[in-house]
Amino acid sequence: MKGEASSSPDLERLAAFGGPGGPNLSEALGLFAGLRKTPHERTAIDRLLALDAAASLPDALLVAIASALVDRGDKASAARVAARAVSSPALVLRADLSAGAGDLGAALALVERVLARDIDWPGARDRHTRWAEQLGLSRPSAGPWATAVPDLPGSPFERIREVGRGGSGIVHEAIDRTLGRRVALKTYHRPDRDRAQLLHEARVAAALSGPGVVRVFDVDPDAGWLALEWVPSGALGSLLRARQTELLSPMARWVVPLAAALGRVHAAGWVHHDIKPANVLLRGPGAPLISDFGIARRTREPSPAGSLGYVSPERLAGRPSDPRDDVYGFGRVLEDAIDALDEPSARAWSALAAACTGPEENRPSEGAALFARVVLEARTIKE
């Protein structure tokens, strides 16, 4: 817009955001709102973007800038500004921009990330239903799973407590009465229906046995159970919810070996297809384990359905199995860790997370490339 004024007291105060005596976030948002639809709007946007280039702005300001750019008809710039923002309002805005550009896979992946946090986020389910129907997919499940725990007559295990529940089964801490060994006992919800998947999960994990992959001790596909090594620290998802920084920070301790484990999976020709915090166990601060290979597929095989919020846009759009789908899941794990830890050393991983979840052409192509990128990133981050 030509002829916009270049200065005003509110504009000068807004430009001081992040500096000594500058406005706080709430005040900056109010100042920017007051400058919208005035001759100073374009200058306000430019000055905030200059601040963002020097030190990343909070999501709320990025959303406000992107919204202003949308109103000005500059949707391409709005998408670039919002690309690093991962709050729910930001993800909904990014989803709408992707849908408007005709990329329904990206739009659906973004709104699923919102639904994974809050199934009732305003407008999210309506968007998901509409876009999923256009792609020929079903609507999301609200969970949780209410399946009863089946009896296991004749098994050597004594259940102690439930430690996890998901789409395929329930996991208990258990004792092998014969060997006196503690195990993670996974019982499938529907063993009659899911026998092949249970056997597949056990066989893939056994074939990939080694660093970074959970060990399989025993399996009974007819009874519907799988005995895995017991990891006392539990899943990354639980640790993130509990903010257990003694195990999670610095992030490089587990991020680097997790990327290495994913590289082993891909080198063997498999795509895990369900990389998420619930499927990453921590044997120790620097010893992550990938678990749950129930929906793993060979590269280029048809892709299965996946967990809400962790499925790549390309997979949602129907592409066959590709290691970049797991790289996307890895990026989502980083985002969840960054959000939970909420500290400068964690936020330093944001650029890599954005690369993994952003446009496919910028994503590491498979686990080995991801590992090289992670190692390089770890060297530059001071944690």
Protein backbone atom coordinates (compact mmCIF):
# COMPACT_ATOMS: atom_id res chain seq x y z
CA MET A 1 0.00 0.00 0.00
CA LYS A 2 1.75 3.15 -1.23
CA GLY A 3 1.92 6.28 0.85
CA GLU A 4 1.73 4.60 4.26
CA ALA A 5 3.06 6.74 7.11
CA SER A 6 6.33 5.51 8.55
CA SER A 7 6.13 6.54 12.18
CA SER A 8 3.84 6.99 15.18
CA PRO A 9 4.30 6.69 18.97
CA ASP A 10 2.58 3.28 18.99
CA LEU A 11 4.73 2.10 16.10
CA GLU A 12 7.94 3.15 17.85
CA ARG A 13 6.87 1.43 21.06
CA LEU A 14 5.95 -1.76 19.17
CA ALA A 15 9.38 -1.78 17.53
CA ALA A 16 10.91 -1.88 21.04
CA PHE A 17 9.36 -5.30 21.75
CA GLY A 18 11.92 -7.65 23.25
CA GLY A 19 14.22 -4.83 24.31
CA PRO A 20 14.78 -3.02 27.61
CA GLY A 21 11.64 -1.15 28.61
CA GLY A 22 9.75 -2.50 25.60
CA PRO A 23 6.17 -3.74 25.70
CA ASN A 24 5.34 -7.23 26.92
CA LEU A 25 3.61 -9.71 24.61
CA SER A 26 0.08 -8.70 25.59
CA GLU A 27 0.91 -5.02 25.11
CA ALA A 28 2.61 -5.70 21.76
CA LEU A 29 -0.44 -7.56 20.51
CA GLY A 30 -2.63 -4.64 21.56
CA LEU A 31 -0.35 -2.13 19.85
CA PHE A 32 -0.31 -4.14 16.64
CA ALA A 33 -4.10 -4.54 16.71
CA GLY A 34 -4.41 -0.76 17.05
CA LEU A 35 -2.15 -0.24 14.02
CA ARG A 36 -4.15 -2.62 11.83
CA LYS A 37 -6.16 -0.92 9.07
CA THR A 38 -4.22 2.32 9.56
CA PRO A 39 -1.57 3.92 7.33
CA HIS A 40 1.05 2.43 9.69
CA GLU A 41 0.04 -1.24 9.22
CA ARG A 42 2.62 -2.16 6.58
CA THR A 43 5.44 -0.49 8.51
CA ALA A 44 4.35 -2.28 11.70
CA ILE A 45 4.49 -5.61 9.87
CA ASP A 46 7.94 -4.86 8.47
CA ARG A 47 9.33 -3.82 11.83
CA LEU A 48 8.01 -6.93 13.55
CA LEU A 49 9.46 -9.11 10.80
CA ALA A 50 12.80 -7.41 11.31
CA LEU A 51 12.59 -8.27 15.00
CA ASP A 52 11.70 -11.85 14.09
CA ALA A 53 14.77 -12.14 11.88
CA ALA A 54 16.97 -11.08 14.81
CA ALA A 55 15.25 -13.17 17.50
CA SER A 56 12.24 -15.39 16.80
CA LEU A 57 8.94 -13.80 17.79
CA PRO A 58 6.35 -15.63 19.92
CA ASP A 59 3.69 -17.61 18.06
CA ALA A 60 0.95 -15.16 18.99
CA LEU A 61 2.70 -12.30 17.18
CA LEU A 62 3.49 -14.49 14.17
CA VAL A 63 -0.20 -15.39 13.92
CA ALA A 64 -1.19 -11.72 14.19
CA ILE A 65 1.26 -10.76 11.43
CA ALA A 66 0.15 -13.64 9.20
CA SER A 67 -3.51 -12.72 9.71
CA ALA A 68 -2.77 -9.14 8.71
CA LEU A 69 -0.99 -10.35 5.57
CA VAL A 70 -3.98 -12.56 4.70
CA ASP A 71 -6.27 -9.52 5.00
CA ARG A 72 -3.90 -7.61 2.72
CA GLY A 73 -4.20 -10.38 0.12
CA ASP A 74 -0.62 -11.62 0.53
CA LYS A 75 -1.29 -15.27 1.42
CA ALA A 76 2.12 -16.48 0.24
CA SER A 77 3.89 -14.19 2.71
CA ALA A 78 1.38 -15.13 5.41
CA ALA A 79 2.23 -18.81 4.95
CA ARG A 80 5.96 -18.10 5.23
CA VAL A 81 5.48 -16.08 8.43
CA ALA A 82 3.28 -18.72 10.06
CA ALA A 83 5.48 -21.66 9.01
CA ARG A 84 7.44 -21.80 12.29
CA ALA A 85 4.47 -21.25 14.59
CA VAL A 86 3.07 -24.38 16.22
CA SER A 87 0.39 -23.14 18.64
CA SER A 88 -3.12 -24.37 17.89
CA PRO A 89 -4.33 -21.00 16.46
CA ALA A 90 -1.22 -20.97 14.26
CA LEU A 91 -1.79 -24.51 13.04
CA VAL A 92 -5.41 -23.77 12.15
CA LEU A 93 -4.33 -20.67 10.23
CA ARG A 94 -1.63 -22.68 8.42
CA ALA A 95 -4.17 -25.40 7.65
CA ASP A 96 -6.58 -22.88 6.12
CA LEU A 97 -3.78 -21.40 4.01
CA SER A 98 -2.73 -24.86 2.81
CA ALA A 99 -6.30 -25.78 1.93
CA GLY A 100 -6.72 -22.50 0.08
CA ALA A 101 -3.59 -23.33 -1.92
CA GLY A 102 -5.04 -26.74 -2.82
CA ASP A 103 -2.73 -28.81 -0.58
CA LEU A 104 -5.34 -30.81 1.33
CA GLY A 105 -2.79 -33.32 2.63
CA ALA A 106 -0.86 -30.56 4.41
CA ALA A 107 -4.09 -28.96 5.63
CA LEU A 108 -5.31 -32.25 7.09
CA ALA A 109 -1.97 -33.00 8.75
CA LEU A 110 -1.94 -29.57 10.40
CA VAL A 111 -5.49 -29.77 11.74
CA GLU A 112 -4.82 -33.30 13.02
CA ARG A 113 -2.02 -31.85 15.14
CA VAL A 114 -4.61 -29.55 16.71
CA LEU A 115 -7.06 -32.41 17.28
CA ALA A 116 -4.32 -34.49 18.90
CA ARG A 117 -4.05 -31.76 21.56
CA ASP A 118 -7.73 -30.96 21.90
CA ILE A 119 -10.38 -32.95 20.03
CA ASP A 120 -12.86 -30.13 20.70
CA TRP A 121 -10.76 -27.20 19.43
CA PRO A 122 -13.27 -24.82 17.78
CA GLY A 123 -13.70 -25.58 14.09
CA ALA A 124 -11.01 -28.27 13.96
CA ARG A 125 -13.28 -31.29 13.61
CA ASP A 126 -15.41 -29.59 10.97
CA ARG A 127 -12.30 -28.83 8.94
CA HIS A 128 -11.01 -32.39 9.37
CA THR A 129 -14.31 -33.91 8.27
CA ARG A 130 -14.52 -31.69 5.19
CA TRP A 131 -10.94 -32.20 4.04
CA ALA A 132 -10.85 -35.91 4.90
CA GLU A 133 -13.97 -36.49 2.81
CA GLN A 134 -12.34 -34.72 -0.13
CA LEU A 135 -9.33 -37.04 0.22
CA GLY A 136 -11.49 -40.12 0.71
CA LEU A 137 -10.48 -40.63 4.35
CA SER A 138 -12.47 -41.10 7.55
CA ARG A 139 -12.96 -38.68 10.42
CA PRO A 140 -10.76 -38.81 13.56
CA SER A 141 -11.41 -40.93 16.61
CA ALA A 142 -11.83 -39.09 19.89
CA GLY A 143 -10.50 -42.04 21.99
CA PRO A 144 -9.77 -43.24 24.61
CA TRP A 145 -10.17 -46.98 24.08
CA ALA A 146 -12.55 -48.66 26.49
CA THR A 147 -11.71 -52.27 25.69
CA ALA A 148 -11.83 -54.64 28.66
CA VAL A 149 -8.60 -56.40 29.63
CA PRO A 150 -8.87 -60.01 28.41
CA ASP A 151 -7.88 -62.98 30.53
CA LEU A 152 -4.74 -64.85 29.52
CA PRO A 153 -5.30 -68.43 30.72
CA GLY A 154 -2.13 -70.49 30.77
CA SER A 155 0.22 -67.54 30.28
CA PRO A 156 3.28 -67.26 32.54
CA PHE A 157 2.61 -63.61 33.37
CA GLU A 158 1.17 -61.83 36.36
CA ARG A 159 -0.05 -58.33 35.56
CA ILE A 160 0.96 -55.60 38.00
CA ARG A 161 -0.46 -52.37 36.56
CA GLU A 162 -1.57 -50.80 33.30
CA VAL A 163 1.03 -48.43 31.87
CA GLY A 164 -0.33 -47.62 28.42
CA ARG A 165 -3.31 -47.99 26.12
CA GLY A 166 -3.58 -47.32 22.39
CA GLY A 167 -5.36 -48.23 19.20
CA SER A 168 -4.00 -51.77 18.98
CA GLY A 169 -3.70 -52.87 22.60
CA ILE A 170 -3.06 -52.36 26.30
CA VAL A 171 0.38 -52.51 27.93
CA HIS A 172 0.90 -53.73 31.49
CA GLU A 173 3.91 -53.96 33.71
CA ALA A 174 4.03 -57.71 34.42
CA ILE A 175 6.17 -60.44 35.97
CA ASP A 176 7.15 -63.61 34.14
CA ARG A 177 6.48 -66.09 36.95
CA THR A 178 8.67 -68.77 35.35
CA LEU A 179 11.78 -66.64 34.85
CA GLY A 180 11.17 -64.02 37.53
CA ARG A 181 11.67 -61.34 34.89
CA ARG A 182 9.78 -58.05 34.68
CA VAL A 183 8.31 -57.40 31.22
CA ALA A 184 6.05 -55.03 29.34
CA LEU A 185 3.08 -57.21 28.40
CA LYS A 186 1.13 -55.93 25.42
CA THR A 187 -2.31 -57.45 24.97
CA TYR A 188 -4.14 -56.77 21.72
CA HIS A 189 -7.74 -55.52 21.96
CA ARG A 190 -9.00 -57.98 19.34
CA PRO A 191 -6.61 -60.95 19.05
CA ASP A 192 -9.07 -62.83 16.82
CA ARG A 193 -9.05 -59.98 14.32
CA ASP A 194 -5.50 -58.66 14.83
CA ARG A 195 -3.49 -61.91 15.00
CA ALA A 196 -1.56 -61.07 11.83
CA GLN A 197 -0.69 -57.57 13.05
CA LEU A 198 0.56 -58.86 16.41
CA LEU A 199 2.75 -61.46 14.73
CA HIS A 200 3.98 -58.83 12.27
CA GLU A 201 4.90 -56.47 15.14
CA ALA A 202 6.91 -59.19 16.88
CA ARG A 203 8.70 -60.33 13.73
CA VAL A 204 9.72 -56.85 12.58
CA ALA A 205 11.02 -55.87 16.03
CA ALA A 206 12.95 -59.16 16.24
CA ALA A 207 14.42 -58.67 12.76
CA LEU A 208 15.58 -55.15 13.74
CA SER A 209 16.97 -56.28 17.11
CA GLY A 210 19.84 -54.08 18.19
CA PRO A 211 20.60 -50.53 19.37
CA GLY A 212 17.57 -48.30 19.60
CA VAL A 213 14.90 -51.00 19.13
CA VAL A 214 12.88 -52.53 21.97
CA ARG A 215 13.61 -56.22 22.59
CA VAL A 216 10.95 -58.91 22.08
CA PHE A 217 11.05 -61.80 24.57
CA ASP A 218 8.01 -63.89 23.64
CA VAL A 219 4.76 -63.84 21.67
CA ASP A 220 1.53 -65.81 21.51
CA PRO A 221 -0.49 -64.63 18.50
CA ASP A 222 -3.39 -66.97 19.30
CA ALA A 223 -3.78 -65.66 22.86
CA GLY A 224 -3.07 -62.11 21.66
CA TRP A 225 -0.07 -61.07 23.76
CA LEU A 226 3.48 -59.90 23.22
CA ALA A 227 6.17 -59.75 25.93
CA LEU A 228 8.72 -56.95 25.55
CA GLU A 229 11.59 -55.70 27.65
CA TRP A 230 10.53 -53.61 30.62
CA VAL A 231 11.78 -50.01 30.54
CA PRO A 232 11.23 -48.46 34.00
CA SER A 233 11.51 -44.86 32.82
CA GLY A 234 8.62 -45.43 30.46
CA ALA A 235 7.60 -43.68 27.27
CA LEU A 236 8.82 -40.28 26.15
CA GLY A 237 5.21 -39.09 26.09
CA SER A 238 4.75 -39.73 29.81
CA LEU A 239 8.08 -38.10 30.63
CA LEU A 240 7.16 -35.01 28.62
CA ARG A 241 3.83 -34.69 30.41
CA ALA A 242 5.65 -34.95 33.75
CA ARG A 243 8.34 -32.44 32.64
CA GLN A 244 11.08 -34.83 33.82
CA THR A 245 13.98 -32.69 32.66
CA GLU A 246 16.60 -34.83 34.37
CA LEU A 247 16.02 -37.45 31.67
CA LEU A 248 15.02 -35.17 28.79
CA SER A 249 17.48 -32.29 28.97
CA PRO A 250 19.77 -31.72 27.22
CA MET A 251 17.76 -33.02 24.27
CA ALA A 252 20.83 -34.01 22.26
CA ARG A 253 21.38 -36.96 24.60
CA TRP A 254 18.33 -38.79 23.26
CA VAL A 255 17.66 -37.00 19.97
CA VAL A 256 20.96 -38.12 18.39
CA PRO A 257 20.62 -41.85 19.21
CA LEU A 258 16.92 -41.77 18.26
CA ALA A 259 17.88 -40.51 14.79
CA ALA A 260 20.54 -43.24 14.60
CA ALA A 261 17.94 -45.91 15.46
CA LEU A 262 15.61 -44.57 12.79
CA GLY A 263 18.51 -44.79 10.34
CA ARG A 264 18.87 -48.50 11.17
CA VAL A 265 15.17 -49.08 10.56
CA HIS A 266 15.30 -47.36 7.17
CA ALA A 267 18.55 -49.04 6.14
CA ALA A 268 16.79 -52.39 6.65
CA GLY A 269 14.06 -51.29 4.23
CA TRP A 270 11.31 -50.58 6.77
CA VAL A 271 9.16 -47.51 7.51
CA HIS A 272 7.90 -47.51 11.12
CA HIS A 273 4.82 -45.36 10.38
CA ASP A 274 4.05 -44.52 14.03
CA ILE A 275 6.92 -42.40 15.35
CA LYS A 276 5.43 -40.46 18.27
CA PRO A 277 6.32 -39.84 21.95
CA ALA A 278 4.23 -42.81 23.13
CA ASN A 279 6.33 -45.15 20.97
CA VAL A 280 9.74 -43.90 22.12
CA LEU A 281 10.93 -45.47 25.38
CA LEU A 282 13.89 -44.23 27.42
CA ARG A 283 16.07 -46.98 28.89
CA GLY A 284 18.27 -44.14 30.17
CA PRO A 285 18.97 -40.46 29.39
CA GLY A 286 20.94 -41.39 26.25
CA ALA A 287 19.24 -44.67 25.35
CA PRO A 288 15.95 -44.20 23.48
CA LEU A 289 14.16 -47.26 22.11
CA ILE A 290 11.67 -47.35 19.24
CA SER A 291 8.70 -49.57 20.04
CA ASP A 292 5.42 -50.72 18.42
CA PHE A 293 6.20 -51.95 14.92
CA GLY A 294 2.63 -53.14 14.36
CA ILE A 295 2.00 -50.96 11.31
CA ALA A 296 5.56 -50.92 9.94
CA ARG A 297 5.72 -51.45 6.19
CA ARG A 298 8.39 -52.00 3.61
CA THR A 299 9.37 -48.91 1.64
CA ARG A 300 6.93 -48.31 -1.25
CA GLU A 301 4.27 -50.64 0.18
CA PRO A 302 0.81 -49.09 0.67
CA SER A 303 0.73 -46.82 3.72
CA PRO A 304 -1.50 -47.79 6.67
CA ALA A 305 -3.59 -45.43 8.76
CA GLY A 306 -1.67 -43.79 11.61
CA SER A 307 -1.94 -41.83 14.85
CA LEU A 308 -3.84 -38.57 14.78
CA GLY A 309 -1.42 -35.66 14.54
CA TYR A 310 1.67 -37.66 13.55
CA VAL A 311 0.92 -38.63 9.94
CA SER A 312 2.72 -36.76 7.16
CA PRO A 313 0.71 -34.74 4.63
CA GLU A 314 1.99 -36.93 1.79
CA ARG A 315 0.84 -40.11 3.50
CA LEU A 316 -2.59 -38.58 4.18
CA ALA A 317 -2.79 -37.79 0.48
CA GLY A 318 -2.23 -41.48 -0.34
CA ARG A 319 1.48 -41.80 -1.09
CA PRO A 320 3.07 -45.27 -0.55
CA SER A 321 5.38 -45.85 2.42
CA ASP A 322 8.42 -43.59 2.40
CA PRO A 323 11.12 -42.97 5.05
CA ARG A 324 10.25 -39.27 4.93
CA ASP A 325 7.01 -40.19 6.70
CA ASP A 326 9.07 -41.25 9.74
CA VAL A 327 11.19 -38.11 9.45
CA TYR A 328 7.95 -36.14 9.74
CA GLY A 329 7.05 -38.10 12.88
CA PHE A 330 10.54 -37.43 14.26
CA GLY A 331 9.98 -33.70 13.72
CA ARG A 332 6.67 -33.92 15.56
CA VAL A 333 8.43 -35.64 18.49
CA LEU A 334 10.90 -32.74 18.57
CA GLU A 335 8.02 -30.25 18.59
CA ASP A 336 6.36 -32.01 21.50
CA ALA A 337 9.63 -32.03 23.45
CA ILE A 338 10.31 -28.36 22.71
CA ASP A 339 6.80 -27.43 23.85
CA ALA A 340 7.00 -29.50 27.04
CA LEU A 341 10.48 -28.41 28.12
CA ASP A 342 9.93 -24.75 27.14
CA GLU A 343 13.53 -23.68 27.68
CA PRO A 344 16.05 -21.93 25.40
CA SER A 345 18.18 -25.04 24.88
CA ALA A 346 15.11 -26.97 23.74
CA ARG A 347 13.82 -24.18 21.49
CA ALA A 348 17.18 -24.27 19.69
CA TRP A 349 15.92 -27.46 18.01
CA SER A 350 12.95 -25.62 16.46
CA ALA A 351 14.60 -25.11 13.06
CA LEU A 352 15.23 -28.83 12.67
CA ALA A 353 11.69 -29.65 13.80
CA ALA A 354 10.32 -27.21 11.22
CA ALA A 355 12.48 -28.77 8.49
CA CYS A 356 11.23 -32.26 9.35
CA THR A 357 7.55 -31.27 9.38
CA GLY A 358 7.69 -28.71 6.58
CA PRO A 359 7.68 -29.12 2.79
CA GLU A 360 8.91 -32.54 1.77
CA GLU A 361 11.65 -31.18 -0.47
CA ASN A 362 13.34 -29.66 2.59
CA ARG A 363 13.01 -32.80 4.74
CA PRO A 364 15.92 -35.23 5.25
CA SER A 365 15.23 -38.07 2.81
CA GLU A 366 15.68 -40.94 5.29
CA GLY A 367 17.18 -41.86 8.65
CA ALA A 368 20.85 -41.68 7.68
CA ALA A 369 20.42 -38.17 6.26
CA LEU A 370 18.41 -37.23 9.34
CA PHE A 371 21.15 -38.56 11.63
CA ALA A 372 23.79 -36.48 9.82
CA ARG A 373 21.60 -33.39 10.14
CA VAL A 374 20.94 -34.06 13.83
CA VAL A 375 24.63 -34.52 14.62
CA LEU A 376 25.44 -31.26 12.84
CA GLU A 377 22.64 -29.48 14.71
CA ALA A 378 23.81 -30.88 18.06
CA ARG A 379 27.30 -29.48 17.50
CA THR A 380 25.94 -25.97 16.99
CA ILE A 381 23.45 -26.00 19.88
CA LYS A 382 24.86 -25.11 23.27
CA GLU A 383 22.76 -27.07 25.76
